[in-house]
C-alpha cells in the first residue's frame, strides 16, 4: 500500500490524520510511536526515531479533533494493519496523546 504522500514541485507533502489535507512537513507535527519503548513522541526536528509515524497540522483545531473525535485515525496510523504488532493499551496511548498535545499547545503559546 503506498504511503500517504504527494509531491508538489520540489516539496514532499504529508497527510494530516485529522483534517485529511496534504501539507508540507513544516506545517505538520510528526508523532512517532517508538518501536522499542512503545511510547509516543513528538518528532519536530525530523531526527531518526524508529517507529510508525503520523502527521497532524500545527493548528489547535486539528489537535483537538485528534484528541476528542478522530483518535481512531491516529491510532490506526500509528499501529498499522500488521497482525503481529502487539495490542496497544488504548488508555495509555490516549494519556500520552493528551500529554503530547498539551506540550505542543504550550510550545505554540510561547511563540
PDB file of N, CA and C in Angstrom:
ATOM      1  N   UNK A   1       0.849  -1.174   0.000  1.00  0.00           N
ATOM      2  CA  UNK A   1       0.000   0.000   0.000  1.00  0.00           C
ATOM      3  C   UNK A   1       0.894   1.237   0.000  1.00  0.00           C
ATOM      4  N   UNK A   2       0.662   2.176  -0.896  1.00  0.00           N
ATOM      5  CA  UNK A   2       1.512   3.370  -0.962  1.00  0.00           C
ATOM      6  C   UNK A   2       1.335   4.263   0.263  1.00  0.00           C
ATOM      7  N   UNK A   3       2.395   4.985   0.574  1.00  0.00           N
ATOM      8  CA  UNK A   3       2.353   5.900   1.710  1.00  0.00           C
ATOM      9  C   UNK A   3       1.535   7.136   1.349  1.00  0.00           C
ATOM     10  N   UNK A   4       0.858   7.744   2.313  1.00  0.00           N
ATOM     11  CA  UNK A   4       0.054   8.933   2.015  1.00  0.00           C
ATOM     12  C   UNK A   4       0.934  10.166   1.868  1.00  0.00           C
ATOM     13  N   UNK A   5       1.486  10.322   0.682  1.00  0.00           N
ATOM     14  CA  UNK A   5       2.306  11.490   0.408  1.00  0.00           C
ATOM     15  C   UNK A   5       2.021  11.967  -1.007  1.00  0.00           C
ATOM     16  N   UNK A   6       2.293  13.206  -1.230  1.00  0.00           N
ATOM     17  CA  UNK A   6       2.044  13.806  -2.526  1.00  0.00           C
ATOM     18  C   UNK A   6       3.184  14.772  -2.788  1.00  0.00           C
ATOM     19  N   UNK A   7       3.688  14.767  -3.998  1.00  0.00           N
ATOM     20  CA  UNK A   7       4.788  15.655  -4.332  1.00  0.00           C
ATOM     21  C   UNK A   7       4.268  16.784  -5.206  1.00  0.00           C
ATOM     22  N   UNK A   8       4.468  18.011  -4.723  1.00  0.00           N
ATOM     23  CA  UNK A   8       4.073  19.195  -5.462  1.00  0.00           C
ATOM     24  C   UNK A   8       5.341  19.991  -5.751  1.00  0.00           C
ATOM     25  N   UNK A   9       5.772  19.978  -6.989  1.00  0.00           N
ATOM     26  CA  UNK A   9       7.028  20.662  -7.307  1.00  0.00           C
ATOM     27  C   UNK A   9       8.172  19.950  -6.617  1.00  0.00           C
ATOM     28  N   UNK A  10       8.947  20.681  -5.836  1.00  0.00           N
ATOM     29  CA  UNK A  10      10.074  20.109  -5.100  1.00  0.00           C
ATOM     30  C   UNK A  10       9.695  19.744  -3.669  1.00  0.00           C
ATOM     31  N   UNK A  11       8.483  20.044  -3.254  1.00  0.00           N
ATOM     32  CA  UNK A  11       8.058  19.828  -1.865  1.00  0.00           C
ATOM     33  C   UNK A  11       7.318  18.507  -1.734  1.00  0.00           C
ATOM     34  N   UNK A  12       7.718  17.726  -0.728  1.00  0.00           N
ATOM     35  CA  UNK A  12       7.017  16.495  -0.418  1.00  0.00           C
ATOM     36  C   UNK A  12       5.977  16.811   0.645  1.00  0.00           C
ATOM     37  N   UNK A  13       4.742  16.435   0.392  1.00  0.00           N
ATOM     38  CA  UNK A  13       3.661  16.747   1.320  1.00  0.00           C
ATOM     39  C   UNK A  13       3.190  15.471   2.012  1.00  0.00           C
ATOM     40  N   UNK A  14       2.716  15.640   3.246  1.00  0.00           N
ATOM     41  CA  UNK A  14       2.196  14.541   4.045  1.00  0.00           C
ATOM     42  C   UNK A  14       0.741  14.822   4.390  1.00  0.00           C
ATOM     43  N   UNK A  15       0.032  13.765   4.769  1.00  0.00           N
ATOM     44  CA  UNK A  15      -1.398  13.855   5.053  1.00  0.00           C
ATOM     45  C   UNK A  15      -1.647  14.018   6.547  1.00  0.00           C
ATOM     46  N   UNK A  16      -2.426  15.029   6.918  1.00  0.00           N
ATOM     47  CA  UNK A  16      -2.824  15.227   8.316  1.00  0.00           C
ATOM     48  C   UNK A  16      -3.916  14.206   8.636  1.00  0.00           C
ATOM     49  N   UNK A  17      -3.755  13.489   9.762  1.00  0.00           N
ATOM     50  CA  UNK A  17      -4.747  12.461  10.109  1.00  0.00           C
ATOM     51  C   UNK A  17      -6.066  13.060  10.581  1.00  0.00           C
ATOM     52  N   UNK A  18      -6.075  14.319  10.954  1.00  0.00           N
ATOM     53  CA  UNK A  18      -7.311  14.943  11.442  1.00  0.00           C
ATOM     54  C   UNK A  18      -8.136  15.529  10.295  1.00  0.00           C
ATOM     55  N   UNK A  19      -7.570  16.465   9.546  1.00  0.00           N
ATOM     56  CA  UNK A  19      -8.338  17.158   8.509  1.00  0.00           C
ATOM     57  C   UNK A  19      -8.209  16.515   7.128  1.00  0.00           C
ATOM     58  N   UNK A  20      -7.267  15.549   6.988  1.00  0.00           N
ATOM     59  CA  UNK A  20      -7.056  14.819   5.734  1.00  0.00           C
ATOM     60  C   UNK A  20      -6.602  15.717   4.589  1.00  0.00           C
ATOM     61  N   UNK A  21      -5.887  16.795   4.903  1.00  0.00           N
ATOM     62  CA  UNK A  21      -5.324  17.681   3.886  1.00  0.00           C
ATOM     63  C   UNK A  21      -3.829  17.437   3.764  1.00  0.00           C
ATOM     64  N   UNK A  22      -3.315  17.554   2.541  1.00  0.00           N
ATOM     65  CA  UNK A  22      -1.886  17.419   2.314  1.00  0.00           C
ATOM     66  C   UNK A  22      -1.204  18.745   2.606  1.00  0.00           C
ATOM     67  N   UNK A  23      -0.120  18.686   3.383  1.00  0.00           N
ATOM     68  CA  UNK A  23       0.644  19.885   3.718  1.00  0.00           C
ATOM     69  C   UNK A  23       2.119  19.520   3.762  1.00  0.00           C
ATOM     70  N   UNK A  24       2.976  20.545   3.690  1.00  0.00           N
ATOM     71  CA  UNK A  24       4.408  20.283   3.779  1.00  0.00           C
ATOM     72  C   UNK A  24       4.778  19.920   5.208  1.00  0.00           C
ATOM     73  N   UNK A  25       5.929  19.297   5.368  1.00  0.00           N
ATOM     74  CA  UNK A  25       6.350  18.840   6.691  1.00  0.00           C
ATOM     75  C   UNK A  25       6.473  19.981   7.691  1.00  0.00           C
ATOM     76  N   UNK A  26       6.822  21.169   7.221  1.00  0.00           N
ATOM     77  CA  UNK A  26       6.957  22.320   8.111  1.00  0.00           C
ATOM     78  C   UNK A  26       5.642  22.768   8.720  1.00  0.00           C
ATOM     79  N   UNK A  27       4.538  22.397   8.105  1.00  0.00           N
ATOM     80  CA  UNK A  27       3.218  22.776   8.596  1.00  0.00           C
ATOM     81  C   UNK A  27       2.600  21.712   9.503  1.00  0.00           C
ATOM     82  N   UNK A  28       3.339  20.632   9.754  1.00  0.00           N
ATOM     83  CA  UNK A  28       2.796  19.496  10.489  1.00  0.00           C
ATOM     84  C   UNK A  28       3.681  19.111  11.666  1.00  0.00           C
ATOM     85  N   UNK A  29       3.052  18.506  12.675  1.00  0.00           N
ATOM     86  CA  UNK A  29       3.770  17.839  13.750  1.00  0.00           C
ATOM     87  C   UNK A  29       3.857  16.370  13.363  1.00  0.00           C
ATOM     88  N   UNK A  30       4.968  15.749  13.677  1.00  0.00           N
ATOM     89  CA  UNK A  30       5.118  14.315  13.423  1.00  0.00           C
ATOM     90  C   UNK A  30       5.090  13.593  14.764  1.00  0.00           C
ATOM     91  N   UNK A  31       4.110  12.714  14.947  1.00  0.00           N
ATOM     92  CA  UNK A  31       4.011  11.892  16.146  1.00  0.00           C
ATOM     93  C   UNK A  31       4.512  10.495  15.794  1.00  0.00           C
ATOM     94  N   UNK A  32       5.426   9.987  16.610  1.00  0.00           N
ATOM     95  CA  UNK A  32       6.022   8.681  16.343  1.00  0.00           C
ATOM     96  C   UNK A  32       5.812   7.758  17.528  1.00  0.00           C
ATOM     97  N   UNK A  33       5.337   6.557  17.242  1.00  0.00           N
ATOM     98  CA  UNK A  33       5.209   5.508  18.248  1.00  0.00           C
ATOM     99  C   UNK A  33       6.481   4.674  18.155  1.00  0.00           C
ATOM    100  N   UNK A  34       7.347   4.810  19.164  1.00  0.00           N
ATOM    101  CA  UNK A  34       8.654   4.158  19.127  1.00  0.00           C
ATOM    102  C   UNK A  34       8.528   2.642  19.158  1.00  0.00           C
ATOM    103  N   UNK A  35       9.371   1.992  18.360  1.00  0.00           N
ATOM    104  CA  UNK A  35       9.364   0.529  18.314  1.00  0.00           C
ATOM    105  C   UNK A  35       9.813  -0.087  19.622  1.00  0.00           C
ATOM    106  N   UNK A  36      10.906   0.426  20.182  1.00  0.00           N
ATOM    107  CA  UNK A  36      11.497  -0.207  21.361  1.00  0.00           C
ATOM    108  C   UNK A  36      10.675   0.011  22.627  1.00  0.00           C
ATOM    109  N   UNK A  37      10.321   1.265  22.908  1.00  0.00           N
ATOM    110  CA  UNK A  37       9.657   1.562  24.178  1.00  0.00           C
ATOM    111  C   UNK A  37       8.132   1.577  24.075  1.00  0.00           C
ATOM    112  N   UNK A  38       7.602   1.773  22.877  1.00  0.00           N
ATOM    113  CA  UNK A  38       6.156   1.851  22.713  1.00  0.00           C
ATOM    114  C   UNK A  38       5.584   3.182  23.156  1.00  0.00           C
ATOM    115  N   UNK A  39       6.464   4.180  23.393  1.00  0.00           N
ATOM    116  CA  UNK A  39       5.976   5.488  23.834  1.00  0.00           C
ATOM    117  C   UNK A  39       5.751   6.408  22.634  1.00  0.00           C
ATOM    118  N   UNK A  40       4.887   7.362  22.820  1.00  0.00           N
ATOM    119  CA  UNK A  40       4.528   8.318  21.779  1.00  0.00           C
ATOM    120  C   UNK A  40       5.402   9.555  21.930  1.00  0.00           C
ATOM    121  N   UNK A  41       6.060   9.967  20.857  1.00  0.00           N
ATOM    122  CA  UNK A  41       6.953  11.120  20.916  1.00  0.00           C
ATOM    123  C   UNK A  41       6.669  12.074  19.770  1.00  0.00           C
ATOM    124  N   UNK A  42       6.877  13.357  20.041  1.00  0.00           N
ATOM    125  CA  UNK A  42       6.785  14.375  19.008  1.00  0.00           C
ATOM    126  C   UNK A  42       8.151  14.476  18.363  1.00  0.00           C
ATOM    127  N   UNK A  43       8.175  14.452  17.058  1.00  0.00           N
ATOM    128  CA  UNK A  43       9.428  14.464  16.325  1.00  0.00           C
ATOM    129  C   UNK A  43       9.443  15.697  15.430  1.00  0.00           C
ATOM    130  N   UNK A  44       9.669  16.865  16.022  1.00  0.00           N
ATOM    131  CA  UNK A  44       9.617  18.120  15.274  1.00  0.00           C
ATOM    132  C   UNK A  44      10.819  18.342  14.366  1.00  0.00           C
ATOM    133  N   UNK A  45      11.986  17.886  14.806  1.00  0.00           N
ATOM    134  CA  UNK A  45      13.189  18.152  14.018  1.00  0.00           C
ATOM    135  C   UNK A  45      13.466  17.058  12.996  1.00  0.00           C
ATOM    136  N   UNK A  46      12.572  16.120  12.866  1.00  0.00           N
ATOM    137  CA  UNK A  46      12.685  15.015  11.917  1.00  0.00           C
ATOM    138  C   UNK A  46      13.969  14.234  12.124  1.00  0.00           C
ATOM    139  N   UNK A  47      14.387  14.102  13.403  1.00  0.00           N
ATOM    140  CA  UNK A  47      15.523  13.246  13.703  1.00  0.00           C
ATOM    141  C   UNK A  47      15.062  11.796  13.570  1.00  0.00           C
ATOM    142  N   UNK A  48      15.990  10.877  13.663  1.00  0.00           N
ATOM    143  CA  UNK A  48      15.626   9.491  13.444  1.00  0.00           C
ATOM    144  C   UNK A  48      15.112   8.852  14.716  1.00  0.00           C
ATOM    145  N   UNK A  49      13.807   8.756  14.808  1.00  0.00           N
ATOM    146  CA  UNK A  49      13.147   7.978  15.840  1.00  0.00           C
ATOM    147  C   UNK A  49      12.478   6.842  15.082  1.00  0.00           C
ATOM    148  N   UNK A  50      12.826   5.611  15.424  1.00  0.00           N
ATOM    149  CA  UNK A  50      12.329   4.483  14.665  1.00  0.00           C
ATOM    150  C   UNK A  50      10.976   4.033  15.193  1.00  0.00           C
ATOM    151  N   UNK A  51      10.024   3.944  14.295  1.00  0.00           N
ATOM    152  CA  UNK A  51       8.679   3.516  14.645  1.00  0.00           C
ATOM    153  C   UNK A  51       7.690   4.022  13.615  1.00  0.00           C
ATOM    154  N   UNK A  52       6.421   3.810  13.881  1.00  0.00           N
ATOM    155  CA  UNK A  52       5.378   4.286  12.974  1.00  0.00           C
ATOM    156  C   UNK A  52       5.055   5.726  13.295  1.00  0.00           C
ATOM    157  N   UNK A  53       4.817   6.514  12.262  1.00  0.00           N
ATOM    158  CA  UNK A  53       4.559   7.940  12.449  1.00  0.00           C
ATOM    159  C   UNK A  53       3.249   8.359  11.814  1.00  0.00           C
ATOM    160  N   UNK A  54       2.713   9.442  12.337  1.00  0.00           N
ATOM    161  CA  UNK A  54       1.523  10.084  11.783  1.00  0.00           C
ATOM    162  C   UNK A  54       1.741  11.583  11.878  1.00  0.00           C
ATOM    163  N   UNK A  55       1.099  12.316  11.014  1.00  0.00           N
ATOM    164  CA  UNK A  55       1.267  13.769  10.962  1.00  0.00           C
ATOM    165  C   UNK A  55      -0.035  14.468  11.331  1.00  0.00           C
ATOM    166  N   UNK A  56       0.108  15.579  12.072  1.00  0.00           N
ATOM    167  CA  UNK A  56      -1.037  16.396  12.476  1.00  0.00           C
ATOM    168  C   UNK A  56      -0.689  17.851  12.215  1.00  0.00           C
ATOM    169  N   UNK A  57      -1.656  18.612  11.698  1.00  0.00           N
ATOM    170  CA  UNK A  57      -1.457  20.044  11.431  1.00  0.00           C
ATOM    171  C   UNK A  57      -1.069  20.792  12.703  1.00  0.00           C
ATOM    172  N   UNK A  58      -0.375  21.881  12.517  1.00  0.00           N
ATOM    173  CA  UNK A  58       0.009  22.740  13.637  1.00  0.00           C
ATOM    174  C   UNK A  58      -1.120  23.726  13.947  1.00  0.00           C
ATOM    175  N   UNK A  59      -2.328  23.220  14.044  1.00  0.00           N
ATOM    176  CA  UNK A  59      -3.463  24.069  14.400  1.00  0.00           C
ATOM    177  C   UNK A  59      -4.180  23.456  15.589  1.00  0.00           C
ATOM    178  N   UNK A  60      -4.735  24.307  16.416  1.00  0.00           N
ATOM    179  CA  UNK A  60      -5.449  23.811  17.589  1.00  0.00           C
ATOM    180  C   UNK A  60      -6.679  23.010  17.200  1.00  0.00           C
ATOM    181  N   UNK A  61      -7.294  23.348  16.074  1.00  0.00           N
ATOM    182  CA  UNK A  61      -8.473  22.599  15.615  1.00  0.00           C
ATOM    183  C   UNK A  61      -8.135  21.138  15.354  1.00  0.00           C
ATOM    184  N   UNK A  62      -7.065  20.902  14.607  1.00  0.00           N
ATOM    185  CA  UNK A  62      -6.683  19.526  14.288  1.00  0.00           C
ATOM    186  C   UNK A  62      -6.219  18.781  15.539  1.00  0.00           C
ATOM    187  N   UNK A  63      -5.482  19.466  16.394  1.00  0.00           N
ATOM    188  CA  UNK A  63      -5.019  18.826  17.624  1.00  0.00           C
ATOM    189  C   UNK A  63      -6.190  18.414  18.505  1.00  0.00           C
ATOM    190  N   UNK A  64      -7.169  19.291  18.651  1.00  0.00           N
ATOM    191  CA  UNK A  64      -8.326  18.940  19.490  1.00  0.00           C
ATOM    192  C   UNK A  64      -9.190  17.881  18.816  1.00  0.00           C
ATOM    193  N   UNK A  65      -9.300  17.920  17.484  1.00  0.00           N
ATOM    194  CA  UNK A  65     -10.059  16.884  16.768  1.00  0.00           C
ATOM    195  C   UNK A  65      -9.467  15.498  17.002  1.00  0.00           C
ATOM    196  N   UNK A  66      -8.144  15.408  16.906  1.00  0.00           N
ATOM    197  CA  UNK A  66      -7.490  14.113  17.103  1.00  0.00           C
ATOM    198  C   UNK A  66      -7.679  13.643  18.534  1.00  0.00           C
ATOM    199  N   UNK A  67      -7.592  14.568  19.451  1.00  0.00           N
ATOM    200  CA  UNK A  67      -7.713  14.203  20.862  1.00  0.00           C
ATOM    201  C   UNK A  67      -9.136  13.762  21.205  1.00  0.00           C
ATOM    202  N   UNK A  68     -10.134  14.396  20.613  1.00  0.00           N
ATOM    203  CA  UNK A  68     -11.508  14.138  21.016  1.00  0.00           C
ATOM    204  C   UNK A  68     -12.258  13.199  20.072  1.00  0.00           C
ATOM    205  N   UNK A  69     -12.195  13.442  18.774  1.00  0.00           N
ATOM    206  CA  UNK A  69     -13.069  12.723  17.854  1.00  0.00           C
ATOM    207  C   UNK A  69     -12.338  11.764  16.920  1.00  0.00           C
ATOM    208  N   UNK A  70     -11.170  12.116  16.483  1.00  0.00           N
ATOM    209  CA  UNK A  70     -10.521  11.360  15.422  1.00  0.00           C
ATOM    210  C   UNK A  70      -9.367  10.514  15.943  1.00  0.00           C
ATOM    211  N   UNK A  71      -9.492  10.084  17.186  1.00  0.00           N
ATOM    212  CA  UNK A  71      -8.440   9.288  17.814  1.00  0.00           C
ATOM    213  C   UNK A  71      -8.226   7.975  17.063  1.00  0.00           C
ATOM    214  N   UNK A  72      -9.288   7.385  16.541  1.00  0.00           N
ATOM    215  CA  UNK A  72      -9.179   6.102  15.840  1.00  0.00           C
ATOM    216  C   UNK A  72      -8.302   6.223  14.602  1.00  0.00           C
ATOM    217  N   UNK A  73      -8.364   7.351  13.908  1.00  0.00           N
ATOM    218  CA  UNK A  73      -7.499   7.561  12.746  1.00  0.00           C
ATOM    219  C   UNK A  73      -6.033   7.589  13.147  1.00  0.00           C
ATOM    220  N   UNK A  74      -5.749   8.314  14.230  1.00  0.00           N
ATOM    221  CA  UNK A  74      -4.366   8.411  14.694  1.00  0.00           C
ATOM    222  C   UNK A  74      -3.881   7.039  15.157  1.00  0.00           C
ATOM    223  N   UNK A  75      -4.694   6.352  15.907  1.00  0.00           N
ATOM    224  CA  UNK A  75      -4.318   5.020  16.396  1.00  0.00           C
ATOM    225  C   UNK A  75      -4.080   4.082  15.218  1.00  0.00           C
ATOM    226  N   UNK A  76      -4.941   4.134  14.214  1.00  0.00           N
ATOM    227  CA  UNK A  76      -4.763   3.293  13.034  1.00  0.00           C
ATOM    228  C   UNK A  76      -3.483   3.602  12.286  1.00  0.00           C
ATOM    229  N   UNK A  77      -3.140   4.882  12.200  1.00  0.00           N
ATOM    230  CA  UNK A  77      -1.908   5.280  11.518  1.00  0.00           C
ATOM    231  C   UNK A  77      -0.679   4.824  12.294  1.00  0.00           C
ATOM    232  N   UNK A  78      -0.759   4.869  13.615  1.00  0.00           N
ATOM    233  CA  UNK A  78       0.396   4.511  14.436  1.00  0.00           C
ATOM    234  C   UNK A  78       0.549   2.998  14.611  1.00  0.00           C
ATOM    235  N   UNK A  79      -0.547   2.287  14.720  1.00  0.00           N
ATOM    236  CA  UNK A  79      -0.483   0.850  14.946  1.00  0.00           C
ATOM    237  C   UNK A  79      -0.318   0.109  13.629  1.00  0.00           C
ATOM    238  N   UNK A  80      -1.007   0.547  12.594  1.00  0.00           N
ATOM    239  CA  UNK A  80      -0.925  -0.117  11.305  1.00  0.00           C
ATOM    240  C   UNK A  80      -1.843  -1.314  11.227  1.00  0.00           C
ATOM    241  N   UNK A  81      -1.682  -2.078  10.168  1.00  0.00           N
ATOM    242  CA  UNK A  81      -2.563  -3.222   9.933  1.00  0.00           C
ATOM    243  C   UNK A  81      -1.893  -4.555  10.199  1.00  0.00           C
ATOM    244  N   UNK A  82      -0.675  -4.531  10.678  1.00  0.00           N
ATOM    245  CA  UNK A  82       0.032  -5.782  10.923  1.00  0.00           C
ATOM    246  C   UNK A  82      -0.609  -6.532  12.090  1.00  0.00           C
ATOM    247  N   UNK A  83      -0.827  -7.806  11.893  1.00  0.00           N
ATOM    248  CA  UNK A  83      -1.417  -8.608  12.958  1.00  0.00           C
ATOM    249  C   UNK A  83      -0.381  -9.010  13.996  1.00  0.00           C
ATOM    250  N   UNK A  84       0.907  -8.886  13.648  1.00  0.00           N
ATOM    251  CA  UNK A  84       1.956  -9.264  14.589  1.00  0.00           C
ATOM    252  C   UNK A  84       2.257  -8.158  15.588  1.00  0.00           C
ATOM    253  N   UNK A  85       1.753  -6.951  15.340  1.00  0.00           N
ATOM    254  CA  UNK A  85       2.015  -5.839  16.256  1.00  0.00           C
ATOM    255  C   UNK A  85       1.224  -6.081  17.542  1.00  0.00           C
ATOM    256  N   UNK A  86       1.871  -5.918  18.685  1.00  0.00           N
ATOM    257  CA  UNK A  86       1.156  -6.160  19.941  1.00  0.00           C
ATOM    258  C   UNK A  86       0.026  -5.149  20.132  1.00  0.00           C
ATOM    259  N   UNK A  87      -0.984  -5.578  20.837  1.00  0.00           N
ATOM    260  CA  UNK A  87      -2.101  -4.681  21.128  1.00  0.00           C
ATOM    261  C   UNK A  87      -1.627  -3.553  22.022  1.00  0.00           C
ATOM    262  N   UNK A  88      -1.991  -2.360  21.648  1.00  0.00           N
ATOM    263  CA  UNK A  88      -1.620  -1.208  22.457  1.00  0.00           C
ATOM    264  C   UNK A  88      -2.695  -0.955  23.493  1.00  0.00           C
ATOM    265  N   UNK A  89      -2.283  -0.461  24.611  1.00  0.00           N
ATOM    266  CA  UNK A  89      -3.220  -0.082  25.651  1.00  0.00           C
ATOM    267  C   UNK A  89      -3.840   1.257  25.254  1.00  0.00           C
ATOM    268  N   UNK A  90      -5.115   1.233  24.932  1.00  0.00           N
ATOM    269  CA  UNK A  90      -5.821   2.429  24.469  1.00  0.00           C
ATOM    270  C   UNK A  90      -5.714   3.559  25.493  1.00  0.00           C
ATOM    271  N   UNK A  91      -5.862   3.247  26.761  1.00  0.00           N
ATOM    272  CA  UNK A  91      -5.823   4.282  27.792  1.00  0.00           C
ATOM    273  C   UNK A  91      -4.436   4.888  27.925  1.00  0.00           C
ATOM    274  N   UNK A  92      -3.402   4.051  27.830  1.00  0.00           N
ATOM    275  CA  UNK A  92      -2.030   4.548  27.932  1.00  0.00           C
ATOM    276  C   UNK A  92      -1.709   5.468  26.756  1.00  0.00           C
ATOM    277  N   UNK A  93      -2.067   5.024  25.535  1.00  0.00           N
ATOM    278  CA  UNK A  93      -1.794   5.834  24.355  1.00  0.00           C
ATOM    279  C   UNK A  93      -2.596   7.131  24.395  1.00  0.00           C
ATOM    280  N   UNK A  94      -3.835   7.059  24.852  1.00  0.00           N
ATOM    281  CA  UNK A  94      -4.666   8.250  24.970  1.00  0.00           C
ATOM    282  C   UNK A  94      -4.075   9.237  25.972  1.00  0.00           C
ATOM    283  N   UNK A  95      -3.585   8.728  27.104  1.00  0.00           N
ATOM    284  CA  UNK A  95      -2.968   9.598  28.108  1.00  0.00           C
ATOM    285  C   UNK A  95      -1.699  10.237  27.569  1.00  0.00           C
ATOM    286  N   UNK A  96      -0.892   9.461  26.833  1.00  0.00           N
ATOM    287  CA  UNK A  96       0.318  10.013  26.232  1.00  0.00           C
ATOM    288  C   UNK A  96      -0.031  11.068  25.196  1.00  0.00           C
ATOM    289  N   UNK A  97      -1.103  10.828  24.442  1.00  0.00           N
ATOM    290  CA  UNK A  97      -1.538  11.793  23.438  1.00  0.00           C
ATOM    291  C   UNK A  97      -1.950  13.106  24.090  1.00  0.00           C
ATOM    292  N   UNK A  98      -2.663  13.027  25.198  1.00  0.00           N
ATOM    293  CA  UNK A  98      -3.067  14.230  25.930  1.00  0.00           C
ATOM    294  C   UNK A  98      -1.833  15.004  26.381  1.00  0.00           C
ATOM    295  N   UNK A  99      -0.825  14.296  26.908  1.00  0.00           N
ATOM    296  CA  UNK A  99       0.406  14.949  27.352  1.00  0.00           C
ATOM    297  C   UNK A  99       1.156  15.591  26.189  1.00  0.00           C
ATOM    298  N   UNK A 100       1.260  14.863  25.088  1.00  0.00           N
ATOM    299  CA  UNK A 100       1.980  15.377  23.923  1.00  0.00           C
ATOM    300  C   UNK A 100       1.277  16.608  23.364  1.00  0.00           C
ATOM    301  N   UNK A 101      -0.043  16.549  23.241  1.00  0.00           N
ATOM    302  CA  UNK A 101      -0.792  17.694  22.709  1.00  0.00           C
ATOM    303  C   UNK A 101      -0.698  18.883  23.664  1.00  0.00           C
ATOM    304  N   UNK A 102      -0.727  18.613  24.970  1.00  0.00           N
ATOM    305  CA  UNK A 102      -0.541  19.690  25.943  1.00  0.00           C
ATOM    306  C   UNK A 102       0.814  20.363  25.778  1.00  0.00           C
ATOM    307  N   UNK A 103       1.866  19.567  25.576  1.00  0.00           N
ATOM    308  CA  UNK A 103       3.203  20.114  25.348  1.00  0.00           C
ATOM    309  C   UNK A 103       3.256  20.943  24.065  1.00  0.00           C
ATOM    310  N   UNK A 104       2.615  20.433  23.019  1.00  0.00           N
ATOM    311  CA  UNK A 104       2.599  21.148  21.745  1.00  0.00           C
ATOM    312  C   UNK A 104       1.880  22.486  21.894  1.00  0.00           C
ATOM    313  N   UNK A 105       0.732  22.477  22.566  1.00  0.00           N
ATOM    314  CA  UNK A 105      -0.038  23.716  22.757  1.00  0.00           C
ATOM    315  C   UNK A 105       0.759  24.725  23.591  1.00  0.00           C
ATOM    316  N   UNK A 106       1.464  24.239  24.619  1.00  0.00           N
ATOM    317  CA  UNK A 106       2.288  25.125  25.433  1.00  0.00           C
ATOM    318  C   UNK A 106       3.406  25.734  24.588  1.00  0.00           C
ATOM    319  N   UNK A 107       3.991  24.919  23.723  1.00  0.00           N
ATOM    320  CA  UNK A 107       5.049  25.415  22.837  1.00  0.00           C
ATOM    321  C   UNK A 107       4.509  26.448  21.867  1.00  0.00           C
ATOM    322  N   UNK A 108       3.291  26.192  21.342  1.00  0.00           N
ATOM    323  CA  UNK A 108       2.694  27.129  20.397  1.00  0.00           C
ATOM    324  C   UNK A 108       2.342  28.458  21.066  1.00  0.00           C
ATOM    325  N   UNK A 109       1.942  28.425  22.323  1.00  0.00           N
ATOM    326  CA  UNK A 109       1.561  29.658  23.011  1.00  0.00           C
ATOM    327  C   UNK A 109       2.772  30.534  23.339  1.00  0.00           C
ATOM    328  N   UNK A 110       3.965  29.931  23.389  1.00  0.00           N
ATOM    329  CA  UNK A 110       5.183  30.702  23.644  1.00  0.00           C
ATOM    330  C   UNK A 110       5.576  31.564  22.456  1.00  0.00           C
ATOM    331  N   UNK A 111       5.219  31.097  21.252  1.00  0.00           N
ATOM    332  CA  UNK A 111       5.619  31.840  20.050  1.00  0.00           C
ATOM    333  C   UNK A 111       4.572  32.829  19.623  1.00  0.00           C
TER     334      UNK A 111
END
